[in-house]
Each structure stands twice: as structure tokens, then as C-alpha cells.
Amino acid sequence: MTDHDLILSALPTPALRIGSDDRIALLNPAAQDLFGVTSVGRHFAIPLRQPEILEAITAVRVSPGTRVARLVVPGPSQDTVYEAHVTALQNGVVLVFQDLTAMAQMDQMRRDFVANVSHELRTPLTSLLGFIDTLRGPARDDAAARARFLDIMASEAERMNRLVRDLLHLSRVEAEERVRPDREEDMSDLVGQAVATLRPMAEAARIGLNVTGAEVPHILRADRDQMLQVLSNLIENAIKYGSASGAAVEIDLRENIGLRGLVLCLTVKDHGEGIDPLHLPRLTERFYRVDSHRSREKGGTGLGLAIVKHIVSRHRGRLVIDSEPGKGSKFSVMLPIG
């Protein structure tokens, strides 16, 4: 085995060498997992059959140097994307593969995020511009129409304000996600504060707020403002989307033994329509809504549960969602104590 082959065999990323006879002479362990050990001794065009890779191999043979090509390996749930560095040697061609799947996913997430934000802002902006044109023209002297249009414009502007505010909150939470809180807070006190703030909304909707387990202190390391945001988001969602008039939202605090010790379980349960299990895995995605029209009508931005997930993650906790159509929904936050 040559020195080149020893180096290739030690690489943690897939690498292979094609001999002067156009057959694969060496596959390192990572490349064996990718292409199969039986590819050794076969013509390189059999396992490396994608045109971009084949063109790069031909190019470095004609003009020695290094070429970069992309290899896409289909998978059961998603494709794996590799960047192949193809280099000509005296005794053949060497290919080293770098896995770019995570980077490709991040690029796609960024594109989706920009598209979603643009879509969310386009609708209220279009509405505002339309009403402004109308007020400048046909409704210039119509006092009744002017008052009605200004109310709608104020609502649309507030919708954009909520979206920008939630985007800033999400950005801030993500930036701090790896920094653990260093202050101790009483979760019972925070629950009482969140309930007091949201009680007028609940009373206007004729929905009760029942709290249990907050009679005694529950102390843990937490960011006060962020945990208030978690409580407010979960309780407000239960009031807006999960409860019919005359029903109640149940907020419960209790300590349990978890897999890694003592945990505080904060549960917000409603008795509404429930959520189809199909939606549950995606509820914490940015801008994902079960009912987009209803969410926008009630002022939702589609970012609330994404913010909750990141805050809970910063506190080294877990968010568990249980729901069944016709039986309501239960959102549980498990936070480690100590």
C-alpha cells in the first residue's frame, strides 16, 4: 500500500482511488459504507455513475489539477449531498468526498424562512397600500369609509408589528440558546403573573383559568422574561384556539422524577377541538399553522411555539404535545430542577 493509500485509508470522510486501468483500486472505510466494499476492482463508472462526477474525472485526466463536483445519494427520507474533490495523481485519480447535507439543509431553511417572512409581510402591506390609494382617491371625502379603512389599516400595521416583534424574540432566543440561565426563579410566582395578565382576555372569551400546584414555591434556574413568554404563549394559545366559550384552561405545576432526576412539569391543558396527530410533529416549526386563516384572524404569527421550543431547549427542558381530535390538547414543559 502506497503512502497515498495509507493517508486515504486514515481519512474520516469517504475517499477512493481510481487506478490507471479505470478500476477502483482503493476505498477507505467511509467510502466502503457509501459505495459498498464490492466496488473495489470494478470500473469507476459503475458506482460513480452521475455525469458531473464522470466529467470531473475525465477533465483532470486531460488537464491535471483538481476539480470539484457534486454527488447526490438518494435516501429513504432525504438525499445526502457530497462535494467531491477530484485530483489527478501519477498512478490514477483520487476522489475525496465532503458531506454537505447539513449545509444544504441550512440553505434550504434560510430560503424557506425568507420566503415565509416575505409572504407574511406581503399581505398586510398590499392591504395598506390599497387602502392608502383609496383614501387618496375615491374615499378622500367619505368620512365613514375613511374611519373604517383607518381601523383596518391599524389592524394590518399591528399584525406586521407582531410579526417583527416575534422575529426579534426568536432571533434573541436562538442567540442565547447555549447559555444556561444563572438566576433562580419561583415558577409558581411566574404562573401567577402570567395568569393575572391573561385573565382579562380569558374573561372576555368567557373562559376560566384554573391553576393547581402553584400554592407552594417551585424554584429552578430560569430566565424570568423568557419563562413568562413560554407561559403567556401556551396559555394565550389555549384561550384563543383551544377552548370554547364556557370551558376552562387548566394550568398545573408539579414535580416528578424524570430520567435524569427531579423535573418540574408545567402543563397547560384545554378542552377544545384538539389537533390531528398528523400536525403534531410540525407544530413547533416556524410559520407552521394548523388553520392558517383562523390563526391570522386571531393575530397569530406562526412563531409562538417555535419561540417556546427554543426557550425550553435553553433551559435544558423538553416540550411534549399531546392532542386528539375532540378531546383537547395538552402542552407539557419538563424543566430540570437543581
Protein backbone atom coordinates (compact mmCIF):
# COMPACT_ATOMS: atom_id res chain seq x y z
CA MET A 1 0.00 0.00 0.00
CA THR A 2 1.44 3.37 -1.04
CA ASP A 3 1.78 6.37 1.25
CA HIS A 4 -1.13 7.98 -0.61
CA ASP A 5 -3.27 4.93 0.09
CA LEU A 6 -2.33 4.96 3.78
CA ILE A 7 -3.38 8.60 4.03
CA LEU A 8 -6.67 7.95 2.21
CA SER A 9 -7.44 5.00 4.49
CA ALA A 10 -6.97 7.19 7.57
CA LEU A 11 -9.35 9.93 6.39
CA PRO A 12 -12.67 10.10 8.32
CA THR A 13 -14.51 11.24 5.15
CA PRO A 14 -15.18 8.97 2.15
CA ALA A 15 -12.19 8.73 -0.22
CA LEU A 16 -11.23 6.43 -3.08
CA ARG A 17 -8.50 5.96 -5.68
CA ILE A 18 -9.04 5.01 -9.30
CA GLY A 19 -6.13 3.15 -10.87
CA SER A 20 -4.64 3.69 -14.29
CA ASP A 21 -6.81 0.80 -15.60
CA ASP A 22 -10.03 2.79 -14.80
CA ARG A 23 -10.89 0.46 -11.95
CA ILE A 24 -11.35 1.40 -8.31
CA ALA A 25 -8.14 0.40 -6.54
CA LEU A 26 -8.94 1.60 -3.03
CA LEU A 27 -11.94 2.51 -0.90
CA ASN A 28 -11.33 3.79 2.62
CA PRO A 29 -13.77 2.57 5.34
CA ALA A 30 -16.08 5.59 4.98
CA ALA A 31 -16.22 5.11 1.19
CA GLN A 32 -16.95 1.41 1.67
CA ASP A 33 -20.03 2.38 3.69
CA LEU A 34 -21.06 4.79 0.93
CA PHE A 35 -20.38 2.73 -2.22
CA GLY A 36 -20.10 -0.82 -0.90
CA VAL A 37 -16.94 -2.89 -0.49
CA THR A 38 -17.77 -4.82 -3.68
CA SER A 39 -17.00 -1.69 -5.73
CA VAL A 40 -13.26 -2.38 -5.39
CA GLY A 41 -11.95 -3.73 -8.69
CA ARG A 42 -14.94 -2.51 -10.72
CA HIS A 43 -14.92 0.20 -13.38
CA PHE A 44 -15.32 3.60 -11.71
CA ALA A 45 -18.38 4.46 -13.86
CA ILE A 46 -20.46 1.75 -12.14
CA PRO A 47 -20.61 3.20 -8.59
CA LEU A 48 -19.82 6.77 -9.73
CA ARG A 49 -22.42 6.99 -12.44
CA GLN A 50 -23.52 10.61 -12.02
CA PRO A 51 -22.49 12.70 -15.07
CA GLU A 52 -20.97 15.56 -13.07
CA ILE A 53 -18.56 13.19 -11.29
CA LEU A 54 -17.63 11.38 -14.50
CA GLU A 55 -16.96 14.68 -16.29
CA ALA A 56 -14.68 15.82 -13.45
CA ILE A 57 -12.66 12.56 -13.61
CA THR A 58 -12.25 12.93 -17.38
CA ALA A 59 -11.28 16.60 -17.02
CA VAL A 60 -8.44 16.02 -14.52
CA ARG A 61 -7.01 13.27 -16.72
CA VAL A 62 -6.85 15.62 -19.69
CA SER A 63 -5.67 18.64 -17.67
CA PRO A 64 -4.11 17.59 -14.32
CA GLY A 65 -5.26 19.51 -11.30
CA THR A 66 -8.30 19.45 -9.02
CA ARG A 67 -11.96 19.68 -9.96
CA VAL A 68 -14.95 19.98 -7.65
CA ALA A 69 -18.19 18.13 -8.42
CA ARG A 70 -21.41 17.34 -6.60
CA LEU A 71 -22.62 13.84 -5.77
CA VAL A 72 -26.22 13.29 -4.61
CA VAL A 73 -27.01 9.98 -2.92
CA PRO A 74 -30.78 9.28 -2.68
CA GLY A 75 -32.02 8.24 0.76
CA PRO A 76 -35.31 6.92 2.19
CA SER A 77 -36.30 10.28 3.73
CA GLN A 78 -33.87 12.79 2.21
CA ASP A 79 -30.93 12.96 -0.19
CA THR A 80 -27.34 13.14 1.04
CA VAL A 81 -25.26 15.76 -0.77
CA TYR A 82 -21.49 15.39 -1.14
CA GLU A 83 -18.89 17.72 -2.62
CA ALA A 84 -16.23 15.64 -4.39
CA HIS A 85 -12.68 16.94 -4.79
CA VAL A 86 -11.24 15.10 -7.80
CA THR A 87 -7.44 15.17 -8.15
CA ALA A 88 -5.17 13.51 -10.73
CA LEU A 89 -2.10 11.58 -9.50
CA GLN A 90 0.65 9.77 -11.39
CA ASN A 91 -0.98 6.41 -10.84
CA GLY A 92 -4.64 7.41 -11.22
CA VAL A 93 -7.26 9.72 -9.76
CA VAL A 94 -8.18 10.38 -6.13
CA LEU A 95 -11.67 11.45 -5.02
CA VAL A 96 -12.36 12.84 -1.52
CA PHE A 97 -15.99 13.47 -0.54
CA GLN A 98 -17.25 16.07 1.94
CA ASP A 99 -20.78 15.73 3.31
CA LEU A 100 -22.66 18.99 2.68
CA THR A 101 -26.11 17.73 3.64
CA ALA A 102 -26.37 19.83 6.81
CA MET A 103 -25.20 22.93 4.93
CA ALA A 104 -27.69 22.26 2.12
CA GLN A 105 -30.47 21.88 4.70
CA MET A 106 -29.47 25.18 6.32
CA ASP A 107 -29.54 26.90 2.92
CA GLN A 108 -32.99 25.48 2.27
CA MET A 109 -34.20 26.54 5.71
CA ARG A 110 -32.89 30.05 5.10
CA ARG A 111 -34.64 30.24 1.72
CA ASP A 112 -37.87 28.94 3.25
CA PHE A 113 -37.57 31.42 6.12
CA VAL A 114 -37.10 34.38 3.77
CA ALA A 115 -39.99 33.18 1.61
CA ASN A 116 -42.27 32.78 4.64
CA VAL A 117 -41.41 36.20 6.08
CA SER A 118 -41.94 37.80 2.66
CA HIS A 119 -45.31 36.07 2.34
CA GLU A 120 -46.41 37.09 5.84
CA LEU A 121 -45.49 40.74 5.22
CA ARG A 122 -46.78 40.95 1.66
CA THR A 123 -50.46 40.51 2.57
CA PRO A 124 -50.75 43.34 5.13
CA LEU A 125 -48.50 45.60 3.04
CA THR A 126 -50.66 45.05 -0.03
CA SER A 127 -53.76 45.79 2.05
CA LEU A 128 -52.24 49.01 3.46
CA LEU A 129 -51.17 50.26 0.03
CA GLY A 130 -54.63 49.53 -1.37
CA PHE A 131 -56.39 51.46 1.36
CA ILE A 132 -53.94 54.36 1.06
CA ASP A 133 -54.69 54.62 -2.67
CA THR A 134 -58.41 54.52 -1.94
CA LEU A 135 -58.16 57.22 0.72
CA ARG A 136 -56.20 59.40 -1.67
CA GLY A 137 -58.80 58.92 -4.39
CA PRO A 138 -62.46 57.77 -4.22
CA ALA A 139 -62.74 57.89 -0.40
CA ARG A 140 -60.99 61.22 0.05
CA ASP A 141 -64.17 62.96 1.22
CA ASP A 142 -66.04 59.92 2.58
CA ALA A 143 -65.75 60.23 6.38
CA ALA A 144 -67.44 56.88 7.13
CA ALA A 145 -65.26 54.95 4.69
CA ARG A 146 -62.16 56.77 5.95
CA ALA A 147 -62.84 55.76 9.54
CA ARG A 148 -63.48 52.15 8.54
CA PHE A 149 -60.36 51.95 6.38
CA LEU A 150 -58.18 53.51 9.08
CA ASP A 151 -59.35 50.85 11.55
CA ILE A 152 -58.39 48.11 9.08
CA MET A 153 -55.05 49.77 8.35
CA ALA A 154 -54.28 49.97 12.07
CA SER A 155 -55.08 46.25 12.41
CA GLU A 156 -52.79 45.33 9.50
CA ALA A 157 -49.98 47.53 10.83
CA GLU A 158 -50.30 45.87 14.25
CA ARG A 159 -50.13 42.48 12.52
CA MET A 160 -46.79 43.45 10.94
CA ASN A 161 -45.61 44.80 14.31
CA ARG A 162 -46.39 41.44 15.99
CA LEU A 163 -44.51 39.58 13.28
CA VAL A 164 -41.41 41.78 13.61
CA ARG A 165 -41.58 41.53 17.42
CA ASP A 166 -41.79 37.72 17.32
CA LEU A 167 -38.94 37.52 14.79
CA LEU A 168 -36.76 39.60 17.11
CA HIS A 169 -37.72 37.39 20.08
CA LEU A 170 -36.90 34.25 18.10
CA SER A 171 -33.55 35.66 16.98
CA ARG A 172 -32.65 36.64 20.55
CA VAL A 173 -33.65 33.26 21.95
CA GLU A 174 -31.65 31.38 19.33
CA ALA A 175 -28.58 33.53 20.06
CA GLU A 176 -28.80 32.68 23.79
CA GLU A 177 -29.83 29.03 23.40
CA ARG A 178 -26.46 27.60 24.51
CA VAL A 179 -26.14 29.92 27.51
CA ARG A 180 -27.78 28.46 30.60
CA PRO A 181 -29.72 30.84 32.89
CA ASP A 182 -27.87 31.58 36.13
CA ARG A 183 -30.65 33.03 38.30
CA GLU A 184 -33.18 31.19 40.42
CA GLU A 185 -36.86 31.93 39.89
CA ASP A 186 -40.07 30.76 41.51
CA MET A 187 -42.18 29.21 38.75
CA SER A 188 -45.30 29.47 40.94
CA ASP A 189 -44.85 33.24 41.03
CA LEU A 190 -44.35 33.37 37.24
CA VAL A 191 -47.50 31.31 36.64
CA GLY A 192 -49.48 33.70 38.86
CA GLN A 193 -48.12 36.70 36.95
CA ALA A 194 -48.92 35.20 33.53
CA VAL A 195 -52.44 34.20 34.61
CA ALA A 196 -53.12 37.66 36.05
CA THR A 197 -52.03 39.28 32.78
CA LEU A 198 -54.18 37.00 30.61
CA ARG A 199 -57.26 36.78 32.83
CA PRO A 200 -58.99 39.78 31.17
CA MET A 201 -58.61 38.07 27.77
CA ALA A 202 -60.00 34.83 29.21
CA GLU A 203 -62.94 36.60 30.85
CA ALA A 204 -63.78 38.40 27.60
CA ALA A 205 -63.92 35.00 25.90
CA ARG A 206 -65.86 33.50 28.86
CA ILE A 207 -63.08 31.00 29.54
CA GLY A 208 -61.89 30.05 33.01
CA LEU A 209 -58.26 29.75 34.10
CA ASN A 210 -57.79 27.05 36.73
CA VAL A 211 -54.36 26.81 38.39
CA THR A 212 -53.19 23.90 40.54
CA GLY A 213 -49.84 23.20 42.16
CA ALA A 214 -48.80 26.86 42.43
CA GLU A 215 -49.66 27.09 46.13
CA VAL A 216 -46.06 26.20 47.05
CA PRO A 217 -42.83 27.61 45.58
CA HIS A 218 -41.09 25.76 42.74
CA ILE A 219 -37.55 27.14 42.47
CA LEU A 220 -35.29 26.47 39.50
CA ARG A 221 -32.67 28.21 37.37
CA ALA A 222 -34.53 30.19 34.73
CA ASP A 223 -34.65 33.37 32.68
CA ARG A 224 -37.64 35.21 34.13
CA ASP A 225 -38.67 37.08 30.97
CA GLN A 226 -38.30 34.03 28.73
CA MET A 227 -40.27 31.74 31.04
CA LEU A 228 -43.02 34.36 31.26
CA GLN A 229 -43.07 34.28 27.46
CA VAL A 230 -43.42 30.49 27.46
CA LEU A 231 -46.31 30.65 29.94
CA SER A 232 -48.01 33.52 28.11
CA ASN A 233 -47.72 31.83 24.71
CA LEU A 234 -49.10 28.49 25.90
CA ILE A 235 -51.96 29.96 27.95
CA GLU A 236 -52.87 32.51 25.26
CA ASN A 237 -52.93 29.77 22.60
CA ALA A 238 -55.23 27.70 24.79
CA ILE A 239 -57.58 30.66 25.22
CA LYS A 240 -57.59 31.67 21.55
CA TYR A 241 -57.58 28.32 19.75
CA GLY A 242 -58.25 25.55 22.23
CA SER A 243 -61.27 26.45 24.28
CA ALA A 244 -64.92 27.07 23.58
CA SER A 245 -66.92 29.68 25.47
CA GLY A 246 -67.77 28.42 28.95
CA ALA A 247 -64.84 25.98 29.10
CA ALA A 248 -61.68 26.27 31.19
CA VAL A 249 -57.94 26.13 30.66
CA GLU A 250 -56.11 24.08 33.28
CA ILE A 251 -52.59 25.11 34.33
CA ASP A 252 -50.80 22.60 36.53
CA LEU A 253 -47.40 22.62 38.27
CA ARG A 254 -45.96 19.51 39.84
CA GLU A 255 -42.61 17.87 40.48
CA ASN A 256 -41.89 14.41 39.06
CA ILE A 257 -38.99 12.00 38.84
CA GLY A 258 -37.60 12.11 35.31
CA LEU A 259 -34.94 10.05 33.54
CA ARG A 260 -32.18 12.35 34.83
CA GLY A 261 -33.55 13.34 38.19
CA LEU A 262 -36.19 15.68 39.54
CA VAL A 263 -38.13 17.73 36.99
CA LEU A 264 -40.82 20.37 37.20
CA CYS A 265 -43.73 19.57 34.90
CA LEU A 266 -45.71 22.59 33.75
CA THR A 267 -48.89 21.59 31.91
CA VAL A 268 -51.39 23.76 30.04
CA LYS A 269 -54.49 21.79 29.04
CA ASP A 270 -57.55 22.89 27.12
CA HIS A 271 -60.82 21.13 26.26
CA GLY A 272 -61.21 22.32 22.70
CA GLU A 273 -61.35 20.67 19.29
CA GLY A 274 -57.94 19.04 19.59
CA ILE A 275 -55.31 18.67 16.88
CA ASP A 276 -54.98 15.92 14.31
CA PRO A 277 -51.88 13.77 15.12
CA LEU A 278 -50.68 14.47 11.57
CA HIS A 279 -49.86 18.05 12.59
CA LEU A 280 -48.18 17.37 15.96
CA PRO A 281 -44.57 16.79 14.73
CA ARG A 282 -44.60 20.12 12.86
CA LEU A 283 -46.30 22.40 15.40
CA THR A 284 -43.00 23.95 16.55
CA GLU A 285 -41.81 24.75 13.01
CA ARG A 286 -41.61 28.42 12.13
CA PHE A 287 -44.78 29.70 10.47
CA TYR A 288 -46.48 26.29 10.60
CA ARG A 289 -50.20 26.63 11.32
CA VAL A 290 -52.93 24.01 11.64
CA ASP A 291 -55.52 26.54 10.43
CA SER A 292 -53.78 29.47 8.71
CA HIS A 293 -56.91 31.57 8.21
CA ARG A 294 -58.10 31.21 11.81
CA SER A 295 -54.60 31.89 13.17
CA ARG A 296 -54.24 35.13 11.21
CA GLU A 297 -57.75 36.22 12.20
CA LYS A 298 -56.77 35.89 15.87
CA GLY A 299 -53.46 37.70 15.42
CA GLY A 300 -51.15 34.68 15.33
CA THR A 301 -47.76 34.92 13.61
CA GLY A 302 -46.95 31.19 13.43
CA LEU A 303 -43.81 31.72 15.56
CA GLY A 304 -45.13 31.29 19.12
CA LEU A 305 -44.42 27.57 19.55
CA ALA A 306 -41.06 27.89 17.77
CA ILE A 307 -40.08 30.50 20.38
CA VAL A 308 -41.36 28.22 23.17
CA LYS A 309 -39.31 25.28 21.85
CA HIS A 310 -36.06 27.28 21.78
CA ILE A 311 -36.61 28.76 25.25
CA VAL A 312 -37.34 25.31 26.71
CA SER A 313 -34.22 23.98 24.96
CA ARG A 314 -32.13 26.77 26.52
CA HIS A 315 -33.43 25.67 29.93
CA ARG A 316 -32.40 22.06 29.11
CA GLY A 317 -36.03 21.00 29.17
CA ARG A 318 -38.48 19.23 26.88
CA LEU A 319 -41.75 20.28 25.27
CA VAL A 320 -44.29 17.46 24.92
CA ILE A 321 -47.54 17.94 22.98
CA ASP A 322 -50.46 15.54 23.36
CA SER A 323 -53.68 16.04 21.47
CA GLU A 324 -56.55 14.14 19.94
CA PRO A 325 -59.41 15.49 17.81
CA GLY A 326 -62.43 16.16 20.00
CA LYS A 327 -60.52 15.71 23.27
CA GLY A 328 -58.50 18.90 23.60
CA SER A 329 -54.75 19.47 23.74
CA LYS A 330 -52.12 19.28 26.46
CA PHE A 331 -48.79 21.13 26.27
CA SER A 332 -46.26 19.95 28.87
CA VAL A 333 -42.92 21.61 29.62
CA MET A 334 -40.45 19.43 31.59
CA LEU A 335 -37.75 21.53 33.30
CA PRO A 336 -34.86 20.04 35.33
CA ILE A 337 -34.62 21.06 38.99
CA GLY A 338 -31.23 21.50 40.62
